[in-house]
């Protein structure tokens, strides 16, 4: 019985520490950025532009890189058929 109570206590403490660490990390600038777009041309050929980063990063630089990829393919006649930003 003591082992079960001890294990439950340890799990509860670890869960509390994890949630507090996650909140603190995001407040200090630790984040996740994921952007994906699928483009298709008139010949039904598909291409994908994507950006993913986890940690401390320059969000504007990554967004510019993603937008440049979209602009390059759109200049070649591709159209966006799906886009996900998170």
N, C-alpha and C. Protein backbone atom coordinates (compact mmCIF):
# COMPACT_ATOMS: atom_id res chain seq x y z
N UNK A 1 0.82 -1.19 0.00
CA UNK A 1 0.00 0.00 0.00
C UNK A 1 0.87 1.26 0.00
N UNK A 2 1.97 1.20 0.77
CA UNK A 2 2.86 2.36 0.83
C UNK A 2 3.49 2.64 -0.53
N UNK A 3 3.79 1.57 -1.29
CA UNK A 3 4.38 1.74 -2.61
C UNK A 3 3.41 2.44 -3.56
N UNK A 4 2.16 2.11 -3.48
CA UNK A 4 1.15 2.72 -4.34
C UNK A 4 0.99 4.19 -4.01
N UNK A 5 0.93 4.51 -2.73
CA UNK A 5 0.80 5.90 -2.29
C UNK A 5 2.05 6.69 -2.68
N UNK A 6 3.21 6.09 -2.49
CA UNK A 6 4.46 6.76 -2.86
C UNK A 6 4.53 6.99 -4.37
N UNK A 7 4.16 6.01 -5.15
CA UNK A 7 4.18 6.14 -6.60
C UNK A 7 3.19 7.22 -7.06
N UNK A 8 2.02 7.26 -6.47
CA UNK A 8 1.04 8.28 -6.82
C UNK A 8 1.55 9.67 -6.46
N UNK A 9 2.20 9.79 -5.31
CA UNK A 9 2.76 11.07 -4.88
C UNK A 9 3.85 11.53 -5.85
N UNK A 10 4.74 10.62 -6.23
CA UNK A 10 5.83 10.96 -7.16
C UNK A 10 5.26 11.40 -8.51
N UNK A 11 4.26 10.68 -8.99
CA UNK A 11 3.63 11.04 -10.27
C UNK A 11 2.97 12.42 -10.17
N UNK A 12 2.31 12.69 -9.08
CA UNK A 12 1.66 13.99 -8.91
C UNK A 12 2.69 15.12 -8.86
N UNK A 13 3.78 14.91 -8.16
CA UNK A 13 4.83 15.93 -8.07
C UNK A 13 5.46 16.16 -9.44
N UNK A 14 5.75 15.09 -10.16
CA UNK A 14 6.34 15.23 -11.50
C UNK A 14 5.39 15.94 -12.46
N UNK A 15 4.11 15.64 -12.39
CA UNK A 15 3.14 16.32 -13.24
C UNK A 15 3.07 17.81 -12.91
N UNK A 16 3.10 18.14 -11.64
CA UNK A 16 3.08 19.54 -11.22
C UNK A 16 4.34 20.26 -11.71
N UNK A 17 5.50 19.65 -11.55
CA UNK A 17 6.75 20.26 -12.01
C UNK A 17 6.75 20.44 -13.52
N UNK A 18 6.25 19.45 -14.25
CA UNK A 18 6.20 19.53 -15.71
C UNK A 18 5.32 20.69 -16.17
N UNK A 19 4.14 20.84 -15.58
CA UNK A 19 3.24 21.92 -16.00
C UNK A 19 3.84 23.28 -15.67
N UNK A 20 4.48 23.39 -14.51
CA UNK A 20 5.09 24.66 -14.14
C UNK A 20 6.29 24.97 -15.03
N UNK A 21 7.09 23.96 -15.37
CA UNK A 21 8.23 24.16 -16.25
C UNK A 21 7.76 24.59 -17.64
N UNK A 22 6.72 23.98 -18.15
CA UNK A 22 6.20 24.31 -19.47
C UNK A 22 5.72 25.75 -19.50
N UNK A 23 4.95 26.16 -18.50
CA UNK A 23 4.47 27.54 -18.45
C UNK A 23 5.62 28.53 -18.35
N UNK A 24 6.60 28.23 -17.52
CA UNK A 24 7.75 29.11 -17.37
C UNK A 24 8.57 29.17 -18.65
N UNK A 25 8.75 28.05 -19.31
CA UNK A 25 9.52 28.01 -20.55
C UNK A 25 8.86 28.87 -21.62
N UNK A 26 7.55 28.78 -21.76
CA UNK A 26 6.85 29.59 -22.76
C UNK A 26 6.91 31.08 -22.41
N UNK A 27 6.88 31.40 -21.13
CA UNK A 27 6.99 32.80 -20.72
C UNK A 27 8.37 33.36 -21.02
N UNK A 28 9.39 32.50 -21.00
CA UNK A 28 10.76 32.94 -21.27
C UNK A 28 11.10 32.92 -22.77
N UNK A 29 10.15 32.54 -23.61
CA UNK A 29 10.38 32.60 -25.05
C UNK A 29 10.57 31.26 -25.73
N UNK A 30 10.51 30.16 -25.00
CA UNK A 30 10.62 28.84 -25.60
C UNK A 30 9.29 28.54 -26.26
N UNK A 31 9.32 28.19 -27.53
CA UNK A 31 8.06 27.98 -28.24
C UNK A 31 8.23 26.98 -29.36
N UNK A 32 7.11 26.66 -30.00
CA UNK A 32 7.09 25.77 -31.15
C UNK A 32 6.39 26.49 -32.29
N UNK A 33 6.97 26.41 -33.47
CA UNK A 33 6.38 27.02 -34.66
C UNK A 33 6.35 25.99 -35.77
N UNK A 34 5.18 25.78 -36.34
CA UNK A 34 5.04 24.83 -37.45
C UNK A 34 4.09 25.43 -38.47
N UNK A 35 4.57 25.56 -39.70
CA UNK A 35 3.74 26.06 -40.79
C UNK A 35 3.95 25.14 -41.98
N UNK A 36 2.85 24.71 -42.60
CA UNK A 36 2.91 23.81 -43.74
C UNK A 36 1.90 24.27 -44.78
N UNK A 37 2.32 24.30 -46.04
CA UNK A 37 1.41 24.63 -47.14
C UNK A 37 1.66 23.65 -48.28
N UNK A 38 0.60 23.18 -48.88
CA UNK A 38 0.69 22.31 -50.05
C UNK A 38 0.18 23.11 -51.23
N UNK A 39 0.97 23.13 -52.30
CA UNK A 39 0.61 23.87 -53.50
C UNK A 39 0.48 22.89 -54.67
N UNK A 40 -0.35 23.26 -55.65
CA UNK A 40 -0.58 22.40 -56.80
C UNK A 40 -0.62 23.25 -58.06
N UNK A 41 -0.06 22.73 -59.16
CA UNK A 41 -0.11 23.47 -60.41
C UNK A 41 -1.20 22.90 -61.32
N UNK A 42 -1.29 23.43 -62.53
CA UNK A 42 -2.36 23.01 -63.45
C UNK A 42 -2.19 21.56 -63.91
N UNK A 43 -1.00 21.01 -63.80
CA UNK A 43 -0.75 19.62 -64.19
C UNK A 43 -0.93 18.66 -63.01
N UNK A 44 -1.51 19.15 -61.93
CA UNK A 44 -1.78 18.37 -60.71
C UNK A 44 -0.51 17.90 -60.00
N UNK A 45 0.61 18.59 -60.23
CA UNK A 45 1.84 18.29 -59.49
C UNK A 45 1.79 19.06 -58.17
N UNK A 46 2.13 18.39 -57.09
CA UNK A 46 2.06 19.01 -55.77
C UNK A 46 3.46 19.23 -55.20
N UNK A 47 3.62 20.33 -54.48
CA UNK A 47 4.84 20.64 -53.75
C UNK A 47 4.45 21.09 -52.35
N UNK A 48 5.41 21.03 -51.44
CA UNK A 48 5.13 21.41 -50.06
C UNK A 48 6.17 22.40 -49.57
N UNK A 49 5.72 23.46 -48.93
CA UNK A 49 6.58 24.40 -48.22
C UNK A 49 6.29 24.20 -46.74
N UNK A 50 7.35 24.04 -45.95
CA UNK A 50 7.13 23.87 -44.52
C UNK A 50 8.27 24.45 -43.72
N UNK A 51 7.94 24.86 -42.51
CA UNK A 51 8.89 25.39 -41.55
C UNK A 51 8.52 24.81 -40.20
N UNK A 52 9.52 24.31 -39.47
CA UNK A 52 9.28 23.80 -38.12
C UNK A 52 10.46 24.17 -37.24
N UNK A 53 10.15 24.66 -36.06
CA UNK A 53 11.20 24.98 -35.10
C UNK A 53 10.66 24.79 -33.69
N UNK A 54 11.52 24.32 -32.82
CA UNK A 54 11.17 24.11 -31.43
C UNK A 54 12.30 24.68 -30.59
N UNK A 55 11.97 25.57 -29.69
CA UNK A 55 12.99 26.16 -28.83
C UNK A 55 12.98 27.67 -28.92
N UNK A 56 14.14 28.25 -28.89
CA UNK A 56 14.30 29.70 -28.99
C UNK A 56 14.69 30.00 -30.43
N UNK A 57 13.88 30.77 -31.16
CA UNK A 57 14.14 31.03 -32.57
C UNK A 57 13.63 32.41 -32.95
N UNK A 58 14.05 32.86 -34.14
CA UNK A 58 13.60 34.13 -34.69
C UNK A 58 12.37 33.87 -35.55
N UNK A 59 11.20 34.14 -35.00
CA UNK A 59 9.95 33.83 -35.68
C UNK A 59 9.80 34.59 -36.99
N UNK A 60 10.20 35.83 -37.02
CA UNK A 60 10.06 36.64 -38.24
C UNK A 60 10.92 36.07 -39.36
N UNK A 61 12.12 35.64 -39.03
CA UNK A 61 13.01 35.06 -40.04
C UNK A 61 12.40 33.78 -40.62
N UNK A 62 11.84 32.94 -39.78
CA UNK A 62 11.22 31.71 -40.25
C UNK A 62 9.97 31.98 -41.09
N UNK A 63 9.17 32.96 -40.69
CA UNK A 63 7.99 33.31 -41.46
C UNK A 63 8.38 33.87 -42.83
N UNK A 64 9.45 34.67 -42.86
CA UNK A 64 9.92 35.20 -44.14
C UNK A 64 10.41 34.08 -45.06
N UNK A 65 11.10 33.10 -44.51
CA UNK A 65 11.57 31.96 -45.29
C UNK A 65 10.39 31.18 -45.86
N UNK A 66 9.37 30.97 -45.05
CA UNK A 66 8.17 30.27 -45.49
C UNK A 66 7.45 31.05 -46.58
N UNK A 67 7.30 32.35 -46.39
CA UNK A 67 6.62 33.18 -47.38
C UNK A 67 7.41 33.22 -48.69
N UNK A 68 8.72 33.23 -48.60
CA UNK A 68 9.56 33.22 -49.81
C UNK A 68 9.34 31.93 -50.60
N UNK A 69 9.24 30.82 -49.92
CA UNK A 69 8.96 29.54 -50.58
C UNK A 69 7.61 29.60 -51.30
N UNK A 70 6.59 30.14 -50.61
CA UNK A 70 5.27 30.27 -51.24
C UNK A 70 5.34 31.18 -52.46
N UNK A 71 6.01 32.31 -52.33
CA UNK A 71 6.11 33.26 -53.44
C UNK A 71 6.81 32.65 -54.64
N UNK A 72 7.87 31.89 -54.40
CA UNK A 72 8.61 31.26 -55.49
C UNK A 72 7.73 30.30 -56.28
N UNK A 73 6.99 29.46 -55.57
CA UNK A 73 6.12 28.50 -56.27
C UNK A 73 4.91 29.17 -56.91
N UNK A 74 4.35 30.19 -56.27
CA UNK A 74 3.22 30.89 -56.86
C UNK A 74 3.64 31.61 -58.14
N UNK A 75 4.88 32.08 -58.21
CA UNK A 75 5.40 32.71 -59.43
C UNK A 75 5.53 31.70 -60.56
N UNK A 76 5.66 30.42 -60.22
CA UNK A 76 5.75 29.36 -61.22
C UNK A 76 4.38 28.79 -61.59
N UNK A 77 3.31 29.37 -61.07
CA UNK A 77 1.96 28.95 -61.43
C UNK A 77 1.28 28.02 -60.45
N UNK A 78 1.89 27.77 -59.30
CA UNK A 78 1.26 26.90 -58.29
C UNK A 78 0.25 27.70 -57.47
N UNK A 79 -0.77 27.01 -57.00
CA UNK A 79 -1.79 27.60 -56.14
C UNK A 79 -1.84 26.84 -54.83
N UNK A 80 -2.08 27.54 -53.74
CA UNK A 80 -2.18 26.91 -52.42
C UNK A 80 -3.49 26.13 -52.34
N UNK A 81 -3.37 24.84 -51.99
CA UNK A 81 -4.59 24.03 -51.81
C UNK A 81 -4.85 23.72 -50.35
N UNK A 82 -3.82 23.79 -49.50
CA UNK A 82 -4.05 23.66 -48.06
C UNK A 82 -2.90 24.34 -47.32
N UNK A 83 -3.24 24.88 -46.16
CA UNK A 83 -2.25 25.57 -45.34
C UNK A 83 -2.61 25.41 -43.87
N UNK A 84 -1.59 25.08 -43.07
CA UNK A 84 -1.77 24.89 -41.63
C UNK A 84 -0.68 25.66 -40.90
N UNK A 85 -1.07 26.53 -40.01
CA UNK A 85 -0.13 27.27 -39.18
C UNK A 85 -0.41 26.94 -37.73
N UNK A 86 0.66 26.64 -36.99
CA UNK A 86 0.48 26.34 -35.57
C UNK A 86 1.63 26.91 -34.78
